[in-house]
Protein backbone atom coordinates (compact mmCIF):
# COMPACT_ATOMS: atom_id res chain seq x y z
CA MET A 1 0.00 0.00 0.00
CA VAL A 2 1.39 3.41 -1.05
CA LEU A 3 0.28 7.04 -1.32
CA ARG A 4 -0.17 8.38 -4.85
CA HIS A 5 -1.02 11.82 -6.20
CA MET A 6 -4.75 12.34 -7.03
CA PRO A 7 -5.88 12.98 -10.57
CA PRO A 8 -6.73 16.66 -11.19
CA ASN A 9 -10.49 15.98 -11.29
CA PHE A 10 -10.53 13.85 -8.17
CA THR A 11 -12.75 15.14 -5.33
CA HIS A 12 -12.99 13.95 -1.78
CA ASN A 13 -14.39 15.01 1.55
CA ALA A 14 -11.82 17.09 3.47
CA SER A 15 -12.30 14.94 6.53
CA ALA A 16 -11.43 11.80 4.66
CA GLY A 17 -7.70 11.85 5.45
CA PRO A 18 -4.74 11.79 3.07
CA ALA A 19 -6.82 12.45 -0.02
CA SER A 20 -7.80 15.85 1.30
CA ARG A 21 -4.12 16.81 1.17
CA GLY A 22 -3.67 15.76 -2.46
CA PHE A 23 -2.91 12.03 -1.95
CA PHE A 24 -4.93 8.84 -1.97
CA LEU A 25 -4.12 5.30 -0.82
CA ASP A 26 -3.12 2.88 -3.58
CA THR A 27 -3.57 -0.74 -2.44
CA ASN A 28 -2.77 -2.28 -5.80
CA PRO A 29 -0.20 -5.08 -5.06
CA MET A 30 1.50 -4.61 -8.43
CA THR A 31 2.16 -0.95 -7.60
CA THR A 32 3.67 -1.94 -4.25
CA THR A 33 5.91 -4.51 -5.93
CA ARG A 34 7.16 -1.98 -8.46
CA ARG A 35 7.78 0.51 -5.64
CA THR A 36 9.85 -2.03 -3.65
CA ALA A 37 11.92 -2.91 -6.69
CA THR A 38 12.60 0.76 -7.37
CA VAL A 39 13.80 1.32 -3.79
CA ALA A 40 16.06 -1.71 -4.07
CA MET A 41 17.57 -0.44 -7.30
CA LEU A 42 18.19 2.97 -5.75
CA SER A 43 19.86 1.31 -2.74
CA ILE A 44 22.15 -0.69 -5.03
CA ALA A 45 23.06 2.46 -6.92
CA ALA A 46 23.82 4.22 -3.65
CA CYS A 47 26.28 1.46 -2.78
CA ALA A 48 28.61 2.80 -5.42
CA THR A 49 29.27 5.77 -3.14
CA SER A 50 31.76 6.09 -0.29
CA THR A 51 28.80 6.36 2.11
CA CYS A 52 27.79 2.78 1.35
CA ALA A 53 31.39 1.63 1.65
CA TYR A 54 31.45 3.13 5.14
CA ALA A 55 28.15 1.40 5.95
CA GLN A 56 29.57 -1.93 4.81
CA LYS A 57 32.68 -1.36 6.97
CA THR A 58 30.45 -0.60 9.96
CA THR A 59 28.43 -3.77 9.34
CA GLN A 60 31.61 -5.85 9.19
CA THR A 61 32.67 -4.42 12.54
CA THR A 62 29.65 -5.97 14.23
CA VAL A 63 30.95 -9.46 13.37
CA TRP A 64 34.66 -8.75 13.98
CA PRO A 65 36.94 -10.69 14.04
CA ILE A 66 36.40 -12.71 10.87
CA LYS A 67 39.88 -14.29 10.89
CA PRO A 68 42.82 -14.84 13.31
CA VAL A 69 44.13 -11.80 15.18
CA ARG A 70 47.88 -11.08 15.21
CA ILE A 71 49.72 -9.59 18.20
CA VAL A 72 53.03 -8.28 16.87
CA VAL A 73 55.90 -8.10 19.38
CA GLY A 74 59.18 -6.31 18.68
CA PHE A 75 61.31 -8.50 20.93
CA PRO A 76 62.41 -12.15 20.87
CA ALA A 77 60.61 -15.14 22.35
CA GLY A 78 61.09 -15.24 26.11
CA SER A 79 61.46 -11.47 26.47
CA SER A 80 59.17 -9.63 28.84
CA PRO A 81 56.90 -8.17 26.11
CA ASP A 82 56.71 -11.59 24.44
CA LEU A 83 55.71 -13.31 27.69
CA THR A 84 53.02 -10.68 28.29
CA ALA A 85 51.62 -11.09 24.77
CA ARG A 86 51.49 -14.88 25.10
CA ALA A 87 49.85 -14.65 28.51
CA PHE A 88 46.99 -12.62 27.00
CA ALA A 89 46.71 -14.55 23.73
CA GLU A 90 44.77 -17.55 25.07
CA PRO A 91 42.08 -15.70 27.08
CA LEU A 92 41.70 -13.16 24.26
CA SER A 93 41.22 -15.99 21.75
CA LYS A 94 38.48 -17.50 23.89
CA ALA A 95 36.72 -14.14 24.17
CA LEU A 96 36.91 -13.42 20.43
CA GLY A 97 36.23 -16.91 19.12
CA GLN A 98 39.23 -16.73 16.79
CA PRO A 99 42.88 -17.79 17.10
CA VAL A 100 45.23 -15.12 18.46
CA ILE A 101 48.75 -15.48 17.07
CA VAL A 102 51.85 -13.87 18.61
CA GLU A 103 54.32 -12.82 15.92
CA ASN A 104 57.85 -11.66 16.79
CA LYS A 105 59.37 -8.95 14.57
CA VAL A 106 62.66 -8.26 16.32
CA GLY A 107 64.88 -5.23 15.82
CA ALA A 108 65.46 -1.53 16.41
CA ALA A 109 64.34 -1.70 20.06
CA GLY A 110 60.86 -2.77 19.03
CA ASN A 111 60.38 -0.10 16.38
CA ILE A 112 60.33 -2.55 13.45
CA ALA A 113 57.29 -4.24 14.97
CA ALA A 114 55.69 -0.90 15.85
CA ASP A 115 56.11 0.24 12.25
CA ALA A 116 54.46 -2.96 11.00
CA VAL A 117 51.50 -2.38 13.30
CA ALA A 118 51.16 1.28 12.31
CA LYS A 119 51.02 0.32 8.62
CA ALA A 120 48.73 -2.72 8.93
CA THR A 121 45.44 -2.42 7.02
CA ASP A 122 43.79 -5.81 7.62
CA ASP A 123 41.90 -4.71 10.78
CA HIS A 124 43.22 -7.82 12.56
CA THR A 125 46.74 -6.70 13.57
CA ILE A 126 47.63 -5.15 16.94
CA GLY A 127 50.90 -4.70 18.81
CA LEU A 128 52.31 -5.37 22.28
CA MET A 129 54.73 -2.48 22.83
CA ILE A 130 57.01 -0.86 25.40
CA ASN A 131 57.28 2.80 26.46
CA GLY A 132 59.69 3.99 23.82
CA ASN A 133 57.76 2.59 20.85
CA MET A 134 54.71 4.65 21.80
CA THR A 135 56.27 7.82 23.16
CA ILE A 136 59.74 9.05 22.27
CA ALA A 137 60.75 6.97 19.24
CA LYS A 138 60.32 9.86 16.81
CA LEU A 139 62.09 12.29 19.16
CA LEU A 140 65.13 10.02 19.23
CA ASN A 141 65.12 9.40 15.49
CA PRO A 142 63.34 11.97 13.30
CA LYS A 143 63.88 9.66 10.31
CA LEU A 144 61.76 6.93 11.87
CA SER A 145 59.26 5.57 9.34
CA TYR A 146 56.27 5.88 11.70
CA ASP A 147 55.12 8.50 14.18
CA PRO A 148 53.86 6.91 17.43
CA LEU A 149 51.73 9.91 18.33
CA ARG A 150 50.12 10.10 14.90
CA ASP A 151 50.02 6.56 13.51
CA LEU A 152 49.02 4.43 16.50
CA THR A 153 45.67 4.08 18.26
CA HIS A 154 45.81 3.36 21.99
CA VAL A 155 44.07 0.26 23.34
CA SER A 156 45.17 -0.46 26.93
CA LEU A 157 48.07 -0.05 29.36
CA LEU A 158 48.58 -3.58 30.73
CA GLY A 159 51.34 -3.50 33.33
CA VAL A 160 53.89 -1.17 34.87
CA SER A 161 57.06 -1.61 36.89
CA PRO A 162 59.70 0.67 38.42
CA LEU A 163 63.36 0.18 37.63
CA VAL A 164 65.86 -0.84 40.32
CA LEU A 165 69.11 1.08 40.78
CA THR A 166 71.55 -1.79 41.19
CA ALA A 167 75.29 -2.06 41.94
CA PRO A 168 77.95 -4.74 42.52
CA VAL A 169 77.80 -6.44 45.93
CA ASN A 170 81.05 -4.75 46.98
CA ALA A 171 79.82 -1.25 46.07
CA PRO A 172 80.59 1.42 48.72
CA GLY A 173 77.99 2.56 51.21
CA ASN A 174 75.53 0.80 53.50
CA THR A 175 72.57 2.96 52.46
CA ALA A 176 71.29 4.49 49.24
CA ALA A 177 72.34 7.96 50.42
CA GLU A 178 75.89 6.75 51.12
CA PHE A 179 76.11 5.00 47.75
CA LEU A 180 74.92 8.11 45.88
CA ALA A 181 77.48 10.22 47.77
CA ALA A 182 80.22 7.82 46.65
CA ALA A 183 78.93 7.96 43.07
CA ARG A 184 79.05 11.77 43.12
CA ALA A 185 82.60 11.70 44.44
CA ALA A 186 83.68 9.24 41.71
CA GLY A 187 82.52 11.61 38.95
CA ASP A 188 83.08 10.22 35.46
CA LYS A 189 85.32 7.39 36.71
CA TRP A 190 82.21 5.25 37.19
CA ASN A 191 80.28 3.64 34.33
CA TYR A 192 76.63 2.67 34.07
CA GLY A 193 75.14 0.15 31.62
CA THR A 194 71.89 0.03 29.64
CA PRO A 195 70.36 -2.03 26.80
CA GLY A 196 71.14 0.81 24.40
CA VAL A 197 70.90 4.50 23.54
CA GLY A 198 67.41 5.89 23.95
CA THR A 199 66.06 3.03 26.06
CA VAL A 200 64.16 3.82 29.25
CA GLY A 201 67.14 2.48 31.20
CA HIS A 202 69.39 5.01 29.46
CA LEU A 203 67.04 7.99 29.73
CA GLY A 204 66.17 7.06 33.30
CA MET A 205 69.84 7.08 34.32
CA GLU A 206 70.33 10.46 32.66
CA LEU A 207 67.31 11.72 34.59
CA LEU A 208 68.75 10.30 37.82
CA LYS A 209 72.11 11.94 37.06
CA THR A 210 70.50 15.37 36.88
CA LYS A 211 68.52 14.87 40.09
CA ALA A 212 71.33 13.24 42.12
CA ARG A 213 74.20 15.26 40.55
CA LEU A 214 76.03 12.22 39.16
CA ALA A 215 78.49 12.07 36.25
CA ALA A 216 78.76 8.34 35.50
CA VAL A 217 79.52 7.47 31.85
CA HIS A 218 77.07 5.53 29.68
CA VAL A 219 78.09 2.13 28.27
CA PRO A 220 75.46 0.47 26.04
CA TYR A 221 75.01 -3.33 25.89
CA ALA A 222 72.89 -5.71 23.83
CA GLY A 223 70.36 -6.26 26.63
CA TYR A 224 69.67 -6.21 30.35
CA PRO A 225 71.13 -9.71 30.99
CA GLN A 226 74.46 -8.56 29.55
CA VAL A 227 74.32 -5.45 31.74
CA ALA A 228 73.80 -7.57 34.86
CA THR A 229 76.68 -9.85 33.89
CA ALA A 230 78.97 -6.84 33.38
CA MET A 231 78.09 -5.49 36.83
CA ILE A 232 78.70 -8.84 38.46
CA GLY A 233 82.10 -8.92 36.73
CA GLY A 234 82.99 -5.44 37.99
CA ASP A 235 82.95 -3.69 34.59
CA LEU A 236 80.04 -1.44 35.61
CA GLN A 237 79.36 0.39 38.86
CA LEU A 238 75.61 0.93 38.56
CA SER A 239 72.55 0.42 36.34
CA LEU A 240 68.76 0.61 36.32
CA LEU A 241 67.44 -2.94 35.91
CA PRO A 242 63.90 -4.35 35.58
CA PRO A 243 62.74 -5.67 38.98
CA ALA A 244 62.38 -9.33 37.96
CA LEU A 245 66.01 -9.49 36.77
CA ALA A 246 67.33 -7.34 39.59
CA ALA A 247 65.51 -9.26 42.32
CA ALA A 248 66.85 -12.60 41.09
CA GLN A 249 70.46 -11.38 41.15
CA ILE A 250 70.02 -9.56 44.47
CA ARG A 251 68.49 -12.58 46.21
CA ALA A 252 71.31 -14.73 44.82
CA GLY A 253 73.79 -12.38 46.48
CA LYS A 254 75.37 -11.32 43.17
CA LEU A 255 74.20 -7.68 43.09
CA LYS A 256 73.20 -4.99 45.59
CA ALA A 257 69.91 -3.08 45.50
CA ILE A 258 70.17 0.69 45.99
CA GLY A 259 66.58 1.85 45.41
CA ILE A 260 63.68 1.94 42.96
CA THR A 261 62.70 4.77 40.61
CA ALA A 262 59.48 5.65 42.42
CA SER A 263 58.30 7.92 45.21
CA VAL A 264 57.04 4.94 47.25
CA ARG A 265 57.99 1.29 47.60
CA SER A 266 56.60 -1.23 45.13
CA ALA A 267 54.58 -4.33 46.02
CA LEU A 268 56.73 -6.18 43.49
CA ILE A 269 59.87 -5.74 45.62
CA PRO A 270 58.73 -4.20 48.94
CA GLU A 271 62.09 -4.88 50.60
CA ILE A 272 63.87 -2.36 48.33
CA PRO A 273 63.48 1.32 49.35
CA SER A 274 62.46 4.04 46.93
CA LEU A 275 65.15 6.49 45.88
CA SER A 276 63.05 9.27 47.38
CA GLU A 277 63.99 7.83 50.76
CA ALA A 278 67.60 8.69 49.84
CA GLY A 279 66.67 12.26 49.00
CA VAL A 280 66.10 11.89 45.24
CA LYS A 281 62.82 13.76 44.76
CA ASP A 282 60.32 13.62 41.89
CA LEU A 283 61.82 10.56 40.25
CA ASN A 284 58.83 8.50 39.16
CA LEU A 285 59.89 6.38 36.24
CA GLU A 286 58.38 3.08 35.16
CA ILE A 287 58.73 0.69 32.28
CA TRP A 288 55.48 -0.63 30.87
CA ASN A 289 53.78 -2.89 28.35
CA ALA A 290 50.75 -1.71 26.40
CA VAL A 291 48.57 -2.63 23.43
CA ALA A 292 48.28 -0.38 20.39
CA ALA A 293 46.56 -0.69 17.01
CA PRO A 294 46.86 1.01 13.64
CA ASN A 295 44.77 4.12 13.09
CA SER A 296 43.00 2.34 10.24
CA ILE A 297 41.24 -0.09 12.56
CA PRO A 298 37.54 0.79 13.15
CA LYS A 299 36.78 2.63 16.38
CA PRO A 300 34.19 0.05 17.57
CA VAL A 301 36.87 -2.65 17.27
CA VAL A 302 39.29 -0.57 19.35
CA ALA A 303 36.61 -0.08 22.00
CA ARG A 304 35.90 -3.80 22.13
CA LEU A 305 39.59 -4.70 22.35
CA SER A 306 40.15 -2.11 25.08
CA ALA A 307 37.31 -3.54 27.16
CA LEU A 308 38.53 -7.11 26.68
CA PHE A 309 42.17 -6.42 27.54
CA SER A 310 41.08 -4.48 30.62
CA GLU A 311 38.78 -7.30 31.75
CA ILE A 312 41.40 -9.99 31.19
CA ALA A 313 44.16 -7.98 32.90
CA ARG A 314 42.07 -7.47 36.01
CA SER A 315 41.16 -11.13 36.44
CA PRO A 316 42.76 -12.79 39.50
CA GLU A 317 44.57 -15.33 37.31
CA MET A 318 46.17 -12.68 35.11
CA ARG A 319 47.04 -10.45 38.05
CA GLN A 320 48.99 -13.32 39.58
CA LYS A 321 50.68 -14.24 36.30
CA MET A 322 51.69 -10.64 35.61
CA PHE A 323 52.95 -10.22 39.18
CA GLN A 324 55.18 -13.28 38.77
CA GLN A 325 56.56 -11.73 35.56
CA GLY A 326 57.40 -8.52 37.43
CA TRP A 327 54.43 -6.30 36.56
CA THR A 328 51.78 -4.45 38.50
CA VAL A 329 48.56 -4.80 36.51
CA GLN A 330 46.86 -1.68 35.17
CA GLY A 331 44.33 -2.80 32.53
CA THR A 332 43.38 0.77 31.64
CA SER A 333 40.98 2.14 29.08
CA ALA A 334 42.29 3.59 25.84
CA GLU A 335 42.07 7.04 27.44
CA GLY A 336 44.15 5.86 30.39
CA LEU A 337 46.91 4.76 28.04
CA THR A 338 46.71 8.06 26.15
CA ASN A 339 47.25 9.98 29.38
CA ARG A 340 50.26 7.84 30.24
CA VAL A 341 51.78 8.29 26.77
CA LYS A 342 51.45 12.07 27.08
CA ALA A 343 53.04 12.14 30.55
CA ASP A 344 55.98 9.90 29.61
CA THR A 345 56.57 11.73 26.34
CA ALA A 346 56.89 14.99 28.26
CA LEU A 347 59.14 13.50 30.97
CA LEU A 348 61.53 11.59 28.74
CA GLY A 349 61.34 14.15 25.95
CA SER A 350 62.78 16.77 28.28
CA ILE A 351 65.86 14.61 28.92
CA ILE A 352 66.28 13.92 25.20
CA ALA A 353 66.21 17.66 24.49
CA GLN A 354 68.53 18.59 27.37
CA GLN A 355 71.14 15.95 26.50
CA ASN A 356 70.57 16.08 22.71
CA ILE A 357 70.23 12.29 22.60
CA LYS A 358 69.76 10.75 19.16
CA THR A 359 69.71 7.20 17.82
CA ASP A 360 69.81 7.93 14.06
């Protein structure tokens, strides 16, 4: 049934409804069929426009994912980011109803993997990243092929951890304050180790040097295990290590803990004092793991992923697993990760600018 225009000579009582306004009801089934076909043809024609393409994309989002999801990690199997990604892969797969595959793309301190995520267009690729990949990578290397602040969409901050200022077991001083006094007196005769230029361990030590008035010289290594080995062997006098690695060496009696890079003690290693207790103020520096996605991925998919990662992270099982790996669970929203990225970019960016640190 449709409304049709009245013939010019058609008359009708004004109280009779639509006809009084120039229309009458057509109940002819053939007319209705033709009308439906016309609407269908117009809809098909409209699908040639970008508006329909957007509508189709939106419809696909409601059934996402339609194939396996990849979590790209920029570090080798067994590394902390890799272990975090694999811990989340199974529960995420169950929630999505699709396989979740962890893929390692190693190199350039995780930036090769971050670049692959930023340029992915399949709507099924995300990344498990560390601080630097999502904050200061472009500040350290202006030639970097992706811009973390422009090309990545934030999903969730999963876990955080302070760094531990560590020294050889025979290092001078019985307290953190005494050790820092000895480090100041040694000037540039002392060396500190990191996993490389521009890493959080490097920038954190440079930040500590400004706050504690130290002059130790930077010596880069291939990774944190090599740094710990060099300290045990007496080639380095201090370093900022991840708590899981530091705690293992400290409890084995091979290294000495000085303090953590936080204003308060951490539940991860409550026996180690914060450096603020030794008079180092406003030093709140953490390493973290987070999930990011390419900007091309639909917003509803990002929202769903953010909610799922947050829910999984906050489960008792995952909290315990992350704690054992040396992380305090966060499980934030996308906005929570955005706020953290902004804060860390400002903090570490200031050190990069002051020291003119570059990796290119």
